[in-house]
N, C-alpha and C. Protein backbone atom coordinates (compact mmCIF):
# COMPACT_ATOMS: atom_id res chain seq x y z
N UNK A 1 -12.02 6.53 -5.95
CA UNK A 1 -10.47 6.87 -6.18
C UNK A 1 -10.16 6.01 -7.45
N UNK A 2 -9.16 6.66 -8.07
CA UNK A 2 -8.83 6.17 -9.50
C UNK A 2 -7.66 5.07 -9.23
N UNK A 3 -8.09 3.79 -9.47
CA UNK A 3 -7.05 2.74 -9.24
C UNK A 3 -6.11 2.69 -10.09
N UNK A 4 -6.39 3.32 -11.30
CA UNK A 4 -5.27 3.35 -12.23
C UNK A 4 -4.08 4.13 -11.78
N UNK A 5 -4.31 5.02 -10.73
CA UNK A 5 -3.27 6.06 -10.27
C UNK A 5 -2.24 5.15 -9.29
N UNK A 6 -2.71 4.09 -9.08
CA UNK A 6 -1.81 3.19 -8.18
C UNK A 6 -1.56 1.71 -8.55
N UNK A 7 -0.72 1.65 -9.83
CA UNK A 7 -0.73 0.25 -10.26
C UNK A 7 -0.18 -0.77 -9.63
N UNK A 8 0.56 -0.53 -8.37
CA UNK A 8 1.18 -1.45 -7.39
C UNK A 8 0.20 -2.01 -6.56
N UNK A 9 -0.88 -1.34 -6.52
CA UNK A 9 -1.97 -1.75 -5.52
C UNK A 9 -3.27 -2.23 -6.28
N UNK A 10 -3.63 -3.57 -5.81
CA UNK A 10 -4.69 -4.22 -6.54
C UNK A 10 -5.98 -4.61 -5.38
N UNK A 11 -7.08 -4.87 -5.85
CA UNK A 11 -8.32 -5.19 -5.38
C UNK A 11 -9.07 -6.52 -5.88
N UNK A 12 -9.30 -7.50 -5.48
CA UNK A 12 -9.61 -8.68 -5.97
C UNK A 12 -10.47 -9.17 -4.87
N UNK A 13 -11.93 -9.28 -5.13
CA UNK A 13 -12.75 -10.15 -4.18
C UNK A 13 -12.18 -11.51 -3.66
N UNK A 14 -11.38 -12.27 -4.71
CA UNK A 14 -10.95 -13.29 -4.07
C UNK A 14 -9.81 -13.48 -3.34
N UNK A 15 -9.08 -12.06 -3.09
CA UNK A 15 -7.83 -12.05 -2.35
C UNK A 15 -7.90 -11.08 -1.44
N UNK A 16 -7.94 -11.58 0.07
CA UNK A 16 -7.90 -10.90 1.24
C UNK A 16 -9.40 -10.09 1.22
N UNK A 17 -10.33 -10.75 0.74
CA UNK A 17 -11.81 -10.25 0.88
C UNK A 17 -11.78 -8.89 0.22
N UNK A 18 -11.10 -8.73 -0.79
CA UNK A 18 -11.33 -7.55 -1.48
C UNK A 18 -10.66 -6.24 -0.93
N UNK A 19 -9.64 -6.37 0.17
CA UNK A 19 -9.05 -5.45 0.56
C UNK A 19 -7.96 -5.03 -0.54
N UNK A 20 -7.46 -3.75 -0.23
CA UNK A 20 -6.39 -3.22 -1.21
C UNK A 20 -5.13 -3.92 -0.74
N UNK A 21 -4.26 -4.58 -1.59
CA UNK A 21 -3.00 -5.29 -1.36
C UNK A 21 -2.11 -4.91 -2.31
N UNK A 22 -0.74 -4.95 -1.99
CA UNK A 22 0.27 -5.01 -2.74
C UNK A 22 0.25 -5.90 -4.11
N UNK A 23 0.18 -5.37 -5.39
CA UNK A 23 -0.31 -6.15 -6.49
C UNK A 23 0.76 -7.56 -6.46
N UNK A 24 0.33 -8.72 -6.69
CA UNK A 24 0.87 -9.92 -6.81
C UNK A 24 1.34 -10.35 -5.45
N UNK A 25 0.61 -9.98 -4.41
CA UNK A 25 0.90 -10.60 -3.11
C UNK A 25 -0.29 -10.37 -2.45
N UNK A 26 -0.28 -11.03 -1.10
CA UNK A 26 -1.54 -10.92 -0.22
C UNK A 26 -1.45 -10.09 0.88
N UNK A 27 -0.35 -9.23 0.63
CA UNK A 27 0.18 -8.27 1.61
C UNK A 27 -0.99 -6.91 1.68
N UNK A 28 -1.85 -6.74 2.64
CA UNK A 28 -2.71 -5.77 2.82
C UNK A 28 -2.28 -4.31 2.67
N UNK A 29 -2.76 -3.22 2.16
CA UNK A 29 -2.00 -1.93 2.35
C UNK A 29 -2.07 -1.71 3.92
N UNK A 30 -3.24 -1.86 4.57
CA UNK A 30 -3.28 -1.43 5.97
C UNK A 30 -2.21 -2.24 6.64
N UNK A 31 -1.98 -3.46 6.49
CA UNK A 31 -0.90 -4.11 7.41
C UNK A 31 0.28 -3.37 7.22
N UNK A 32 0.58 -2.73 5.99
CA UNK A 32 1.86 -2.00 5.77
C UNK A 32 1.88 -0.71 6.65
N UNK A 33 0.81 0.08 6.43
CA UNK A 33 0.55 1.35 7.18
C UNK A 33 0.67 1.04 8.65
N UNK A 34 -0.06 -0.04 9.20
CA UNK A 34 -0.05 -0.02 10.47
C UNK A 34 1.23 -0.34 11.37
N UNK A 35 2.31 -0.94 10.38
CA UNK A 35 3.73 -1.18 10.84
C UNK A 35 4.23 0.22 10.96
N UNK A 36 4.07 1.19 10.20
CA UNK A 36 4.77 2.53 10.30
C UNK A 36 3.89 3.20 11.40
N UNK A 37 2.77 3.12 11.76
CA UNK A 37 1.99 3.63 12.77
C UNK A 37 2.53 3.33 14.17
N UNK A 38 2.96 1.98 14.22
CA UNK A 38 3.57 1.24 15.33
C UNK A 38 4.82 1.66 15.53
N UNK A 39 5.73 2.36 14.67
CA UNK A 39 6.81 2.93 14.79
C UNK A 39 7.95 2.23 14.15
N UNK A 40 7.73 1.33 13.31
CA UNK A 40 8.56 0.60 12.38
C UNK A 40 9.22 1.70 11.41
N UNK A 41 10.56 1.26 11.00
CA UNK A 41 11.05 2.07 9.80
C UNK A 41 10.87 1.19 8.64
N UNK A 42 11.50 1.55 7.51
CA UNK A 42 11.40 1.01 6.00
C UNK A 42 12.29 -0.43 6.21
N UNK A 43 13.40 -0.44 6.75
CA UNK A 43 14.29 -1.53 6.92
C UNK A 43 13.20 -2.65 7.67
N UNK A 44 12.64 -2.38 8.80
CA UNK A 44 11.94 -3.42 9.50
C UNK A 44 10.59 -3.82 8.71
N UNK A 45 9.98 -3.13 8.02
CA UNK A 45 9.06 -3.41 7.22
C UNK A 45 9.28 -4.27 6.03
N UNK A 46 10.54 -4.14 5.41
CA UNK A 46 10.93 -4.81 4.17
C UNK A 46 11.46 -6.33 5.08
N UNK A 47 11.89 -6.24 6.31
CA UNK A 47 12.23 -7.40 6.68
C UNK A 47 11.05 -8.34 7.13
N UNK A 48 9.94 -7.60 7.47
CA UNK A 48 8.82 -8.35 7.91
C UNK A 48 7.93 -8.93 6.91
N UNK A 49 7.99 -8.26 5.89
CA UNK A 49 7.48 -8.69 4.40
C UNK A 49 8.42 -8.58 3.30
N UNK A 50 9.01 -9.83 3.37
CA UNK A 50 10.40 -9.97 2.46
C UNK A 50 10.05 -10.14 0.93
N UNK A 51 8.70 -10.09 0.93
CA UNK A 51 8.15 -10.36 -0.73
C UNK A 51 7.99 -8.85 -1.22
N UNK A 52 8.25 -7.93 -0.53
CA UNK A 52 7.85 -6.52 -0.85
C UNK A 52 9.10 -5.80 -1.12
N UNK A 53 9.23 -4.76 -2.05
CA UNK A 53 10.36 -3.81 -2.27
C UNK A 53 9.99 -2.61 -1.58
N UNK A 54 11.10 -1.61 -1.52
CA UNK A 54 11.03 -0.37 -1.20
C UNK A 54 9.72 0.46 -1.77
N UNK A 55 9.87 0.26 -3.22
CA UNK A 55 8.90 0.83 -3.98
C UNK A 55 7.32 0.19 -3.62
N UNK A 56 7.16 -1.10 -3.56
CA UNK A 56 5.97 -1.57 -3.16
C UNK A 56 5.52 -0.67 -1.52
N UNK A 57 6.30 -0.60 -0.73
CA UNK A 57 6.00 0.20 0.67
C UNK A 57 5.69 1.57 0.34
N UNK A 58 6.47 2.35 -0.49
CA UNK A 58 6.16 3.65 -0.73
C UNK A 58 4.73 3.59 -1.53
N UNK A 59 4.49 2.63 -2.39
CA UNK A 59 3.17 2.74 -3.07
C UNK A 59 1.77 2.53 -2.12
N UNK A 60 2.26 1.55 -1.07
CA UNK A 60 1.16 1.33 -0.15
C UNK A 60 0.76 2.73 0.81
N UNK A 61 1.99 3.45 0.80
CA UNK A 61 1.76 4.67 1.79
C UNK A 61 1.06 5.65 1.08
N UNK A 62 1.55 5.84 -0.54
CA UNK A 62 0.92 6.72 -1.22
C UNK A 62 -0.44 6.61 -1.52
N UNK A 63 -1.08 5.10 -1.66
CA UNK A 63 -2.34 4.82 -1.56
C UNK A 63 -3.00 5.18 -0.49
N UNK A 64 -2.43 4.79 0.67
CA UNK A 64 -3.24 5.25 1.90
C UNK A 64 -3.41 6.64 1.91
N UNK A 65 -2.29 7.50 1.60
CA UNK A 65 -2.45 8.98 1.70
C UNK A 65 -3.65 9.50 0.79
N UNK A 66 -3.64 8.69 -0.51
CA UNK A 66 -4.81 9.35 -1.32
C UNK A 66 -5.95 8.88 -0.81
N UNK A 67 -6.04 7.93 -0.12
CA UNK A 67 -7.58 7.45 0.65
C UNK A 67 -8.09 8.50 1.40
N UNK A 68 -7.26 9.12 2.24
CA UNK A 68 -7.48 10.24 3.00
C UNK A 68 -7.53 11.66 2.71
N UNK A 69 -7.11 11.66 1.48
CA UNK A 69 -6.84 13.17 0.95
C UNK A 69 -7.99 13.62 0.09
N UNK A 70 -8.14 15.01 0.01
CA UNK A 70 -8.85 15.81 -0.81
C UNK A 70 -8.22 15.95 -2.25
N UNK A 71 -6.72 15.74 -2.38
CA UNK A 71 -6.11 15.95 -3.41
C UNK A 71 -6.11 14.91 -4.27
N UNK A 72 -6.57 14.89 -5.50
CA UNK A 72 -6.30 13.86 -6.46
C UNK A 72 -4.86 13.17 -6.54
N UNK A 73 -4.98 12.11 -6.64
CA UNK A 73 -3.66 11.38 -6.68
C UNK A 73 -2.44 11.87 -7.62
N UNK A 74 -2.91 12.27 -8.76
CA UNK A 74 -1.95 12.72 -9.90
C UNK A 74 -1.39 14.21 -9.32
N UNK A 75 -2.16 14.79 -8.59
CA UNK A 75 -1.75 16.20 -8.20
C UNK A 75 -0.80 15.81 -6.97
N UNK A 76 -0.85 14.85 -6.39
CA UNK A 76 0.02 14.71 -4.88
C UNK A 76 1.46 13.95 -5.54
N UNK A 77 1.56 13.74 -6.78
CA UNK A 77 2.89 12.93 -7.14
C UNK A 77 3.82 13.87 -7.67
C-alpha cells in the first residue's frame, strides 16, 4: 500500500507497536473502524476520541477501505 496516499495515517514501530494510527495521535485506525462496525456514528466517534477531527475519521475509513480493496487509493478518491 502506498503510505503517501494517506498522509493522515502514520506507522511507527515505537507507537502502538507499529499499528497504523491517526498521525500525531496514538489512536489506531482499527479502533475508529471498530466503532463504526459496532454501530457508532460520526458524532459518537468524535466524542469518544476528542483529539480527532472529522477529516481524521474519514482518513481512517479511507485507509481501511484501501487496505481491503483491489482499487489503488488514488483511483478510489
